[in-house]
């Protein structure tokens, strides 16, 4: 009944990276430091851990403030390009933490109490794109902030239906996302 993270080599040989006894999901590999971050259950909370590509060297990054949101099936986090930091939501707040577990700071708080569900950090580290939604997962807004937490501009608001898959292009010129145009 738990999510488990696997990897495979070029020949298709699978290797189980996380235990079947704990719910572990949403792996994100950082190519520069060759680490995989993932979310895993720790009691009633969800924390970010890192590990080596073979599943060894597991390290718990977050502690005092867990990853949290309206629905953990839709909440994500993001590495900095160089792998030194991660950003993640806790309901209406966005936090930045060093990958060694230190340096935790609140980077941003939504001005309207909506929950942060998705985030993406630009390749150059200058911009963060956020998707926020109400408690039911709708009334979505997407906006871009700088690393000081100042809103730079709004990308989307006022549409019915779900939005997901948030990603900023490598040159910071485009933001890609999916939107349910049916409004349901």
N, C-alpha and C. Protein backbone atom coordinates (compact mmCIF):
# COMPACT_ATOMS: atom_id res chain seq x y z
N UNK A 1 0.81 -1.22 0.00
CA UNK A 1 0.00 0.00 0.00
C UNK A 1 0.84 1.27 0.00
N UNK A 2 2.13 1.15 -0.21
CA UNK A 2 3.01 2.32 -0.23
C UNK A 2 3.59 2.53 -1.62
N UNK A 3 3.91 3.79 -1.92
CA UNK A 3 4.68 4.08 -3.12
C UNK A 3 6.13 3.72 -2.84
N UNK A 4 6.80 3.15 -3.82
CA UNK A 4 8.19 2.74 -3.69
C UNK A 4 8.95 3.26 -4.91
N UNK A 5 10.16 3.73 -4.71
CA UNK A 5 10.97 4.29 -5.80
C UNK A 5 11.93 3.22 -6.33
N UNK A 6 11.91 3.06 -7.65
CA UNK A 6 12.77 2.11 -8.35
C UNK A 6 13.61 2.87 -9.37
N UNK A 7 14.68 2.24 -9.80
CA UNK A 7 15.46 2.71 -10.93
C UNK A 7 15.75 1.51 -11.82
N UNK A 8 16.26 1.76 -13.00
CA UNK A 8 16.62 0.67 -13.91
C UNK A 8 17.84 1.08 -14.72
N UNK A 9 18.64 0.11 -15.10
CA UNK A 9 19.79 0.41 -15.95
C UNK A 9 19.37 0.31 -17.42
N UNK A 10 20.34 0.49 -18.31
CA UNK A 10 20.06 0.49 -19.75
C UNK A 10 19.48 -0.82 -20.24
N UNK A 11 19.75 -1.91 -19.53
CA UNK A 11 19.27 -3.22 -19.92
C UNK A 11 17.89 -3.53 -19.34
N UNK A 12 17.37 -2.61 -18.51
CA UNK A 12 16.06 -2.81 -17.92
C UNK A 12 16.08 -3.53 -16.58
N UNK A 13 17.27 -3.74 -16.03
CA UNK A 13 17.38 -4.38 -14.72
C UNK A 13 16.95 -3.39 -13.65
N UNK A 14 15.92 -3.76 -12.90
CA UNK A 14 15.37 -2.86 -11.88
C UNK A 14 16.10 -2.99 -10.56
N UNK A 15 16.17 -1.86 -9.84
CA UNK A 15 16.73 -1.82 -8.50
C UNK A 15 15.77 -1.01 -7.63
N UNK A 16 15.30 -1.61 -6.53
CA UNK A 16 14.43 -0.92 -5.60
C UNK A 16 15.27 0.01 -4.74
N UNK A 17 14.92 1.31 -4.74
CA UNK A 17 15.72 2.30 -4.01
C UNK A 17 15.19 2.61 -2.61
N UNK A 18 13.88 2.50 -2.42
CA UNK A 18 13.30 2.81 -1.11
C UNK A 18 12.54 1.62 -0.57
N UNK A 19 12.35 1.59 0.72
CA UNK A 19 11.70 0.48 1.40
C UNK A 19 10.21 0.40 1.07
N UNK A 20 9.70 -0.79 0.99
CA UNK A 20 8.27 -1.02 0.80
C UNK A 20 7.47 -0.70 2.05
N UNK A 21 8.16 -0.55 3.17
CA UNK A 21 7.50 -0.31 4.46
C UNK A 21 7.12 1.16 4.67
N UNK A 22 7.65 2.05 3.83
CA UNK A 22 7.43 3.50 3.99
C UNK A 22 6.95 4.07 2.66
N UNK A 23 6.03 5.01 2.72
CA UNK A 23 5.53 5.66 1.51
C UNK A 23 6.57 6.67 1.02
N UNK A 24 7.16 6.43 -0.14
CA UNK A 24 8.19 7.30 -0.72
C UNK A 24 7.82 7.59 -2.17
N UNK A 25 7.90 8.85 -2.55
CA UNK A 25 7.44 9.24 -3.88
C UNK A 25 8.06 10.55 -4.33
N UNK A 26 7.73 10.95 -5.56
CA UNK A 26 8.14 12.17 -6.21
C UNK A 26 9.67 12.35 -6.25
N UNK A 27 10.40 11.36 -6.80
CA UNK A 27 11.85 11.50 -6.89
C UNK A 27 12.25 12.59 -7.88
N UNK A 28 13.29 13.34 -7.54
CA UNK A 28 13.84 14.39 -8.39
C UNK A 28 15.37 14.25 -8.34
N UNK A 29 15.96 13.94 -9.50
CA UNK A 29 17.41 13.76 -9.54
C UNK A 29 18.10 15.08 -9.87
N UNK A 30 19.17 15.37 -9.16
CA UNK A 30 20.01 16.52 -9.48
C UNK A 30 21.27 15.98 -10.14
N UNK A 31 21.44 16.31 -11.41
CA UNK A 31 22.56 15.76 -12.18
C UNK A 31 23.91 16.29 -11.73
N UNK A 32 23.96 17.53 -11.22
CA UNK A 32 25.25 18.11 -10.85
C UNK A 32 25.86 17.43 -9.63
N UNK A 33 25.03 17.13 -8.64
CA UNK A 33 25.59 16.51 -7.44
C UNK A 33 25.29 15.00 -7.37
N UNK A 34 24.60 14.50 -8.39
CA UNK A 34 24.30 13.07 -8.48
C UNK A 34 23.60 12.55 -7.23
N UNK A 35 22.52 13.26 -6.86
CA UNK A 35 21.68 12.86 -5.73
C UNK A 35 20.23 12.84 -6.18
N UNK A 36 19.44 12.04 -5.53
CA UNK A 36 18.00 11.98 -5.76
C UNK A 36 17.32 12.47 -4.50
N UNK A 37 16.47 13.46 -4.64
CA UNK A 37 15.62 13.89 -3.53
C UNK A 37 14.26 13.22 -3.71
N UNK A 38 13.55 13.01 -2.63
CA UNK A 38 12.22 12.42 -2.70
C UNK A 38 11.46 12.77 -1.43
N UNK A 39 10.15 12.62 -1.48
CA UNK A 39 9.30 12.83 -0.31
C UNK A 39 9.01 11.47 0.28
N UNK A 40 9.06 11.40 1.61
CA UNK A 40 8.77 10.15 2.29
C UNK A 40 8.01 10.43 3.59
N UNK A 41 7.12 9.52 3.92
CA UNK A 41 6.35 9.64 5.15
C UNK A 41 7.26 9.45 6.35
N UNK A 42 7.07 10.29 7.35
CA UNK A 42 7.78 10.19 8.62
C UNK A 42 6.72 10.40 9.69
N UNK A 43 6.10 9.30 10.12
CA UNK A 43 4.94 9.41 10.99
C UNK A 43 3.79 10.01 10.19
N UNK A 44 3.20 11.07 10.72
CA UNK A 44 2.08 11.72 10.03
C UNK A 44 2.53 12.84 9.11
N UNK A 45 3.83 13.09 9.03
CA UNK A 45 4.34 14.18 8.20
C UNK A 45 5.07 13.64 6.97
N UNK A 46 5.23 14.52 5.98
CA UNK A 46 6.00 14.20 4.77
C UNK A 46 7.26 15.04 4.77
N UNK A 47 8.39 14.38 4.68
CA UNK A 47 9.69 15.04 4.73
C UNK A 47 10.44 14.81 3.43
N UNK A 48 11.40 15.68 3.15
CA UNK A 48 12.27 15.51 1.99
C UNK A 48 13.55 14.79 2.44
N UNK A 49 13.90 13.77 1.69
CA UNK A 49 15.13 13.01 1.90
C UNK A 49 15.95 13.07 0.63
N UNK A 50 17.24 12.79 0.76
CA UNK A 50 18.10 12.60 -0.42
C UNK A 50 18.78 11.25 -0.31
N UNK A 51 19.22 10.75 -1.46
CA UNK A 51 19.97 9.49 -1.50
C UNK A 51 20.86 9.49 -2.74
N UNK A 52 21.79 8.58 -2.74
CA UNK A 52 22.62 8.36 -3.92
C UNK A 52 21.79 7.61 -4.96
N UNK A 53 22.21 7.62 -6.23
CA UNK A 53 21.45 6.94 -7.29
C UNK A 53 21.25 5.44 -7.09
N UNK A 54 22.05 4.82 -6.21
CA UNK A 54 21.87 3.39 -5.93
C UNK A 54 21.03 3.14 -4.68
N UNK A 55 20.50 4.21 -4.07
CA UNK A 55 19.66 4.08 -2.88
C UNK A 55 20.42 4.18 -1.57
N UNK A 56 21.73 4.26 -1.63
CA UNK A 56 22.53 4.38 -0.40
C UNK A 56 22.61 5.84 0.04
N UNK A 57 23.16 6.07 1.21
CA UNK A 57 23.41 7.42 1.70
C UNK A 57 22.15 8.23 1.95
N UNK A 58 21.11 7.60 2.47
CA UNK A 58 19.85 8.31 2.72
C UNK A 58 20.06 9.38 3.79
N UNK A 59 19.56 10.59 3.51
CA UNK A 59 19.69 11.72 4.44
C UNK A 59 18.37 12.47 4.52
N UNK A 60 17.90 12.73 5.72
CA UNK A 60 16.67 13.48 5.94
C UNK A 60 17.00 14.97 5.92
N UNK A 61 16.49 15.69 4.92
CA UNK A 61 16.81 17.11 4.73
C UNK A 61 15.91 17.99 5.60
N UNK A 62 14.61 17.78 5.53
CA UNK A 62 13.67 18.62 6.29
C UNK A 62 13.38 17.96 7.63
N UNK A 63 13.07 18.78 8.63
CA UNK A 63 12.75 18.26 9.95
C UNK A 63 11.63 19.04 10.60
N UNK A 64 11.90 20.28 10.97
CA UNK A 64 10.93 21.06 11.76
C UNK A 64 9.72 21.50 10.96
N UNK A 65 9.88 21.76 9.67
CA UNK A 65 8.77 22.17 8.82
C UNK A 65 8.69 21.19 7.66
N UNK A 66 7.67 20.33 7.65
CA UNK A 66 7.56 19.32 6.60
C UNK A 66 7.01 19.88 5.30
N UNK A 67 7.03 19.06 4.27
CA UNK A 67 6.34 19.37 3.02
C UNK A 67 4.85 19.13 3.29
N UNK A 68 4.00 20.11 2.94
CA UNK A 68 2.58 19.95 3.21
C UNK A 68 1.77 20.80 2.24
N UNK A 69 0.53 20.38 2.00
CA UNK A 69 -0.34 21.11 1.10
C UNK A 69 -1.74 20.55 1.12
N UNK A 70 -2.57 21.05 0.23
CA UNK A 70 -3.97 20.64 0.21
C UNK A 70 -4.15 19.18 -0.15
N UNK A 71 -3.25 18.63 -0.96
CA UNK A 71 -3.34 17.24 -1.40
C UNK A 71 -1.94 16.82 -1.83
N UNK A 72 -1.33 15.93 -1.08
CA UNK A 72 0.06 15.56 -1.34
C UNK A 72 0.25 14.86 -2.69
N UNK A 73 -0.83 14.41 -3.32
CA UNK A 73 -0.70 13.84 -4.66
C UNK A 73 -0.36 14.92 -5.69
N UNK A 74 -0.54 16.19 -5.32
CA UNK A 74 -0.31 17.29 -6.25
C UNK A 74 0.76 18.27 -5.80
N UNK A 75 1.39 18.01 -4.68
CA UNK A 75 2.39 18.93 -4.14
C UNK A 75 3.78 18.51 -4.61
N UNK A 76 4.58 19.49 -5.05
CA UNK A 76 5.95 19.16 -5.43
C UNK A 76 6.95 20.13 -4.81
N UNK A 77 8.20 19.93 -5.10
CA UNK A 77 9.32 20.71 -4.60
C UNK A 77 10.34 20.79 -5.72
N UNK A 78 11.44 21.52 -5.50
CA UNK A 78 12.40 21.68 -6.59
C UNK A 78 13.82 21.87 -6.06
N UNK A 79 14.79 21.31 -6.77
CA UNK A 79 16.21 21.52 -6.50
C UNK A 79 16.66 22.86 -7.08
N UNK A 80 17.70 23.45 -6.51
CA UNK A 80 18.45 24.49 -7.21
C UNK A 80 19.31 23.76 -8.25
N UNK A 81 19.73 24.45 -9.28
CA UNK A 81 20.50 23.81 -10.35
C UNK A 81 21.77 23.14 -9.82
N UNK A 82 22.47 23.81 -8.92
CA UNK A 82 23.73 23.26 -8.43
C UNK A 82 23.55 22.24 -7.30
N UNK A 83 22.30 22.00 -6.88
CA UNK A 83 22.04 20.98 -5.87
C UNK A 83 22.32 21.40 -4.44
N UNK A 84 22.62 22.65 -4.22
CA UNK A 84 22.93 23.08 -2.85
C UNK A 84 21.69 23.37 -2.01
N UNK A 85 20.54 23.59 -2.68
CA UNK A 85 19.32 23.95 -1.95
C UNK A 85 18.09 23.33 -2.60
N UNK A 86 17.02 23.30 -1.81
CA UNK A 86 15.72 22.86 -2.29
C UNK A 86 14.68 23.88 -1.84
N UNK A 87 13.62 24.03 -2.63
CA UNK A 87 12.48 24.83 -2.21
C UNK A 87 11.28 23.90 -2.13
N UNK A 88 10.39 24.19 -1.16
CA UNK A 88 9.22 23.33 -0.98
C UNK A 88 8.12 24.09 -0.26
N UNK A 89 6.85 23.67 -0.48
CA UNK A 89 5.74 24.35 0.16
C UNK A 89 5.33 23.70 1.47
N UNK A 90 4.77 24.52 2.33
CA UNK A 90 4.05 24.08 3.51
C UNK A 90 2.80 24.93 3.55
N UNK A 91 1.74 24.44 2.96
CA UNK A 91 0.47 25.13 2.78
C UNK A 91 0.65 26.47 2.07
N UNK A 92 0.55 27.61 2.75
CA UNK A 92 0.62 28.91 2.09
C UNK A 92 2.02 29.54 2.12
N UNK A 93 3.00 28.77 2.55
CA UNK A 93 4.37 29.28 2.65
C UNK A 93 5.32 28.47 1.77
N UNK A 94 6.34 29.14 1.26
CA UNK A 94 7.40 28.49 0.49
C UNK A 94 8.68 28.61 1.28
N UNK A 95 9.37 27.49 1.47
CA UNK A 95 10.61 27.45 2.23
C UNK A 95 11.79 27.09 1.33
N UNK A 96 12.96 27.58 1.72
CA UNK A 96 14.21 27.18 1.08
C UNK A 96 15.09 26.57 2.17
N UNK A 97 15.72 25.46 1.83
CA UNK A 97 16.58 24.77 2.78
C UNK A 97 17.83 24.28 2.05
N UNK A 98 18.95 24.31 2.73
CA UNK A 98 20.18 23.76 2.16
C UNK A 98 20.03 22.24 2.08
N UNK A 99 20.65 21.61 1.12
CA UNK A 99 20.52 20.17 0.95
C UNK A 99 21.15 19.38 2.10
N UNK A 100 21.94 20.07 2.94
CA UNK A 100 22.49 19.42 4.13
C UNK A 100 21.58 19.58 5.35
N UNK A 101 20.38 20.16 5.15
CA UNK A 101 19.41 20.32 6.23
C UNK A 101 19.50 21.63 6.98
N UNK A 102 20.49 22.44 6.71
CA UNK A 102 20.65 23.72 7.41
C UNK A 102 20.06 24.87 6.61
N UNK A 103 20.09 26.04 7.20
CA UNK A 103 19.74 27.26 6.50
C UNK A 103 18.28 27.41 6.11
N UNK A 104 17.37 26.80 6.86
CA UNK A 104 15.95 26.89 6.54
C UNK A 104 15.44 28.32 6.67
N UNK A 105 14.79 28.84 5.61
CA UNK A 105 14.16 30.16 5.67
C UNK A 105 12.80 30.12 4.97
N UNK A 106 11.90 30.94 5.46
CA UNK A 106 10.64 31.14 4.75
C UNK A 106 10.90 32.16 3.66
N UNK A 107 10.71 31.75 2.43
CA UNK A 107 10.98 32.60 1.28
C UNK A 107 9.77 33.44 0.88
N UNK A 108 8.56 32.87 1.07
CA UNK A 108 7.38 33.52 0.54
C UNK A 108 6.15 33.03 1.29
N UNK A 109 5.16 33.91 1.39
CA UNK A 109 3.84 33.55 1.91
C UNK A 109 2.81 34.12 0.96
N UNK A 110 1.82 33.30 0.56
CA UNK A 110 0.82 33.78 -0.38
C UNK A 110 0.04 34.93 0.25
N UNK A 111 -0.26 35.94 -0.54
CA UNK A 111 -0.96 37.11 0.01
C UNK A 111 -2.44 36.87 0.28
N UNK A 112 -2.99 35.78 -0.27
CA UNK A 112 -4.43 35.54 -0.16
C UNK A 112 -4.77 34.25 0.59
N UNK A 113 -3.80 33.62 1.21
CA UNK A 113 -4.05 32.40 1.97
C UNK A 113 -4.18 31.14 1.14
N UNK A 114 -4.05 31.25 -0.18
CA UNK A 114 -4.10 30.05 -1.02
C UNK A 114 -2.87 29.19 -0.76
N UNK A 115 -3.01 27.90 -1.08
CA UNK A 115 -1.94 26.95 -0.83
C UNK A 115 -1.02 26.83 -2.03
N UNK A 116 0.27 26.75 -1.78
CA UNK A 116 1.25 26.52 -2.83
C UNK A 116 1.28 25.02 -3.10
N UNK A 117 1.07 24.65 -4.37
CA UNK A 117 1.07 23.23 -4.74
C UNK A 117 2.30 22.85 -5.55
N UNK A 118 2.69 23.72 -6.46
CA UNK A 118 3.82 23.41 -7.32
C UNK A 118 4.79 24.58 -7.37
N UNK A 119 6.05 24.25 -7.58
CA UNK A 119 7.08 25.28 -7.73
C UNK A 119 8.14 24.79 -8.70
N UNK A 120 8.76 25.73 -9.38
CA UNK A 120 9.89 25.41 -10.24
C UNK A 120 10.88 26.55 -10.15
N UNK A 121 12.15 26.22 -10.04
CA UNK A 121 13.22 27.19 -9.87
C UNK A 121 13.96 27.30 -11.19
N UNK A 122 14.15 28.52 -11.66
CA UNK A 122 14.81 28.71 -12.96
C UNK A 122 16.24 28.19 -12.95
N UNK A 123 16.72 27.85 -14.12
CA UNK A 123 18.07 27.30 -14.29
C UNK A 123 19.13 28.24 -13.72
N UNK A 124 18.94 29.57 -13.92
CA UNK A 124 19.93 30.53 -13.41
C UNK A 124 19.70 30.91 -11.95
N UNK A 125 18.65 30.38 -11.34
CA UNK A 125 18.40 30.62 -9.92
C UNK A 125 17.75 31.95 -9.59
N UNK A 126 17.37 32.73 -10.60
CA UNK A 126 16.86 34.08 -10.34
C UNK A 126 15.35 34.15 -10.15
N UNK A 127 14.62 33.15 -10.63
CA UNK A 127 13.16 33.19 -10.59
C UNK A 127 12.59 31.88 -10.09
N UNK A 128 11.43 31.99 -9.45
CA UNK A 128 10.68 30.83 -8.98
C UNK A 128 9.25 30.99 -9.48
N UNK A 129 8.73 29.96 -10.11
CA UNK A 129 7.35 29.96 -10.57
C UNK A 129 6.53 29.16 -9.57
N UNK A 130 5.39 29.72 -9.17
CA UNK A 130 4.52 29.06 -8.19
C UNK A 130 3.13 28.84 -8.75
N UNK A 131 2.56 27.71 -8.44
CA UNK A 131 1.14 27.46 -8.69
C UNK A 131 0.48 27.39 -7.33
N UNK A 132 -0.54 28.22 -7.13
CA UNK A 132 -1.30 28.22 -5.88
C UNK A 132 -2.76 27.91 -6.19
N UNK A 133 -3.45 27.36 -5.21
CA UNK A 133 -4.86 27.01 -5.39
C UNK A 133 -5.59 27.10 -4.06
N UNK A 134 -6.92 27.07 -4.13
CA UNK A 134 -7.71 27.10 -2.90
C UNK A 134 -7.72 25.71 -2.26
N UNK A 135 -8.44 25.58 -1.17
CA UNK A 135 -8.46 24.33 -0.39
C UNK A 135 -9.03 23.15 -1.17
N UNK A 136 -9.83 23.41 -2.22
CA UNK A 136 -10.38 22.32 -3.03
C UNK A 136 -9.49 21.99 -4.23
N UNK A 137 -8.41 22.75 -4.42
CA UNK A 137 -7.49 22.49 -5.53
C UNK A 137 -7.76 23.31 -6.77
N UNK A 138 -8.72 24.23 -6.69
CA UNK A 138 -9.09 25.04 -7.84
C UNK A 138 -8.83 26.52 -7.58
N UNK A 139 -9.41 27.38 -8.44
CA UNK A 139 -9.13 28.82 -8.37
C UNK A 139 -7.63 29.06 -8.40
N UNK A 140 -7.00 28.46 -9.37
CA UNK A 140 -5.54 28.44 -9.49
C UNK A 140 -5.00 29.79 -9.94
N UNK A 141 -3.84 30.12 -9.42
CA UNK A 141 -3.05 31.26 -9.88
C UNK A 141 -1.64 30.76 -10.11
N UNK A 142 -0.99 31.28 -11.13
CA UNK A 142 0.43 31.02 -11.36
C UNK A 142 1.12 32.36 -11.40
N UNK A 143 2.18 32.50 -10.61
CA UNK A 143 2.96 33.72 -10.69
C UNK A 143 4.43 33.44 -10.45
N UNK A 144 5.21 34.43 -10.82
CA UNK A 144 6.66 34.33 -10.73
C UNK A 144 7.14 35.27 -9.62
N UNK A 145 8.01 34.74 -8.77
CA UNK A 145 8.62 35.55 -7.71
C UNK A 145 10.14 35.54 -7.91
N UNK A 146 10.82 36.49 -7.29
CA UNK A 146 12.28 36.44 -7.27
C UNK A 146 12.72 35.71 -6.00
N UNK A 147 14.01 35.55 -5.81
CA UNK A 147 14.51 34.78 -4.67
C UNK A 147 14.41 35.53 -3.35
N UNK A 148 13.96 36.79 -3.39
CA UNK A 148 13.67 37.54 -2.17
C UNK A 148 12.20 37.41 -1.79
N UNK A 149 11.41 36.74 -2.62
CA UNK A 149 9.99 36.54 -2.33
C UNK A 149 9.08 37.62 -2.85
N UNK A 150 9.57 38.47 -3.73
CA UNK A 150 8.75 39.53 -4.32
C UNK A 150 8.07 39.00 -5.58
N UNK A 151 6.75 39.23 -5.69
CA UNK A 151 6.03 38.81 -6.89
C UNK A 151 6.47 39.70 -8.05
N UNK A 152 6.96 39.10 -9.12
CA UNK A 152 7.40 39.83 -10.31
C UNK A 152 6.25 40.03 -11.29
N UNK A 153 5.48 38.96 -11.55
CA UNK A 153 4.34 39.08 -12.44
C UNK A 153 3.45 37.85 -12.31
N UNK A 154 2.20 38.04 -12.72
CA UNK A 154 1.21 36.97 -12.71
C UNK A 154 1.14 36.35 -14.10
N UNK A 155 1.03 35.04 -14.15
CA UNK A 155 0.95 34.32 -15.41
C UNK A 155 -0.49 33.89 -15.70
N UNK A 156 -1.22 33.45 -14.68
CA UNK A 156 -2.55 32.90 -14.87
C UNK A 156 -3.39 33.14 -13.63
N UNK A 157 -4.65 33.51 -13.84
CA UNK A 157 -5.65 33.55 -12.77
C UNK A 157 -7.03 33.68 -13.40
N UNK A 158 -8.05 33.35 -12.60
CA UNK A 158 -9.41 33.54 -13.06
C UNK A 158 -9.96 32.48 -13.98
N UNK A 159 -9.34 31.31 -14.07
CA UNK A 159 -9.82 30.22 -14.91
C UNK A 159 -10.41 29.12 -14.05
N UNK A 160 -11.46 28.46 -14.54
CA UNK A 160 -11.99 27.28 -13.88
C UNK A 160 -11.17 26.07 -14.32
N UNK A 161 -11.22 25.02 -13.52
CA UNK A 161 -10.54 23.78 -13.89
C UNK A 161 -9.15 23.67 -13.28
N UNK A 162 -8.61 22.50 -13.37
CA UNK A 162 -7.31 22.19 -12.77
C UNK A 162 -6.15 22.66 -13.65
N UNK A 163 -5.03 22.90 -13.00
CA UNK A 163 -3.78 23.28 -13.66
C UNK A 163 -2.68 22.45 -13.01
N UNK A 164 -1.72 21.98 -13.81
CA UNK A 164 -0.60 21.21 -13.23
C UNK A 164 0.57 21.18 -14.19
N UNK A 165 1.64 20.49 -13.78
CA UNK A 165 2.80 20.29 -14.63
C UNK A 165 3.65 21.52 -14.84
N UNK A 166 3.76 22.35 -13.85
CA UNK A 166 4.45 23.63 -13.94
C UNK A 166 5.95 23.46 -14.22
N UNK A 167 6.46 24.23 -15.21
CA UNK A 167 7.88 24.18 -15.54
C UNK A 167 8.28 25.46 -16.24
N UNK A 168 9.46 26.00 -15.88
CA UNK A 168 9.97 27.21 -16.53
C UNK A 168 11.08 26.80 -17.49
N UNK A 169 11.10 27.42 -18.66
CA UNK A 169 12.10 27.08 -19.68
C UNK A 169 13.50 27.49 -19.21
N UNK A 170 14.51 26.89 -19.81
CA UNK A 170 15.89 27.12 -19.40
C UNK A 170 16.31 28.58 -19.59
N UNK A 171 15.68 29.30 -20.54
CA UNK A 171 16.03 30.71 -20.77
C UNK A 171 15.09 31.68 -20.04
N UNK A 172 14.20 31.17 -19.18
CA UNK A 172 13.25 31.98 -18.40
C UNK A 172 12.21 32.69 -19.26
N UNK A 173 12.09 32.32 -20.51
CA UNK A 173 11.17 33.02 -21.42
C UNK A 173 9.78 32.41 -21.48
N UNK A 174 9.64 31.14 -21.14
CA UNK A 174 8.36 30.44 -21.24
C UNK A 174 8.08 29.69 -19.95
N UNK A 175 6.78 29.60 -19.64
CA UNK A 175 6.32 28.77 -18.53
C UNK A 175 5.34 27.78 -19.12
N UNK A 176 5.59 26.51 -18.89
CA UNK A 176 4.77 25.44 -19.43
C UNK A 176 3.91 24.87 -18.32
N UNK A 177 2.64 24.63 -18.62
CA UNK A 177 1.74 23.99 -17.66
C UNK A 177 0.59 23.39 -18.44
N UNK A 178 -0.15 22.51 -17.81
CA UNK A 178 -1.36 21.97 -18.40
C UNK A 178 -2.56 22.61 -17.72
N UNK A 179 -3.64 22.79 -18.49
CA UNK A 179 -4.86 23.36 -17.92
C UNK A 179 -6.06 22.61 -18.49
N UNK A 180 -6.98 22.26 -17.60
CA UNK A 180 -8.21 21.59 -18.00
C UNK A 180 -9.14 22.64 -18.59
N UNK A 181 -9.16 22.75 -19.90
CA UNK A 181 -9.95 23.78 -20.57
C UNK A 181 -11.45 23.55 -20.47
N UNK A 182 -11.85 22.32 -20.06
CA UNK A 182 -13.27 22.06 -19.90
C UNK A 182 -13.83 22.77 -18.66
N UNK A 183 -12.96 23.10 -17.75
CA UNK A 183 -13.39 23.78 -16.52
C UNK A 183 -13.85 22.86 -15.43
N UNK A 184 -13.77 21.56 -15.67
CA UNK A 184 -14.19 20.61 -14.66
C UNK A 184 -13.05 20.11 -13.83
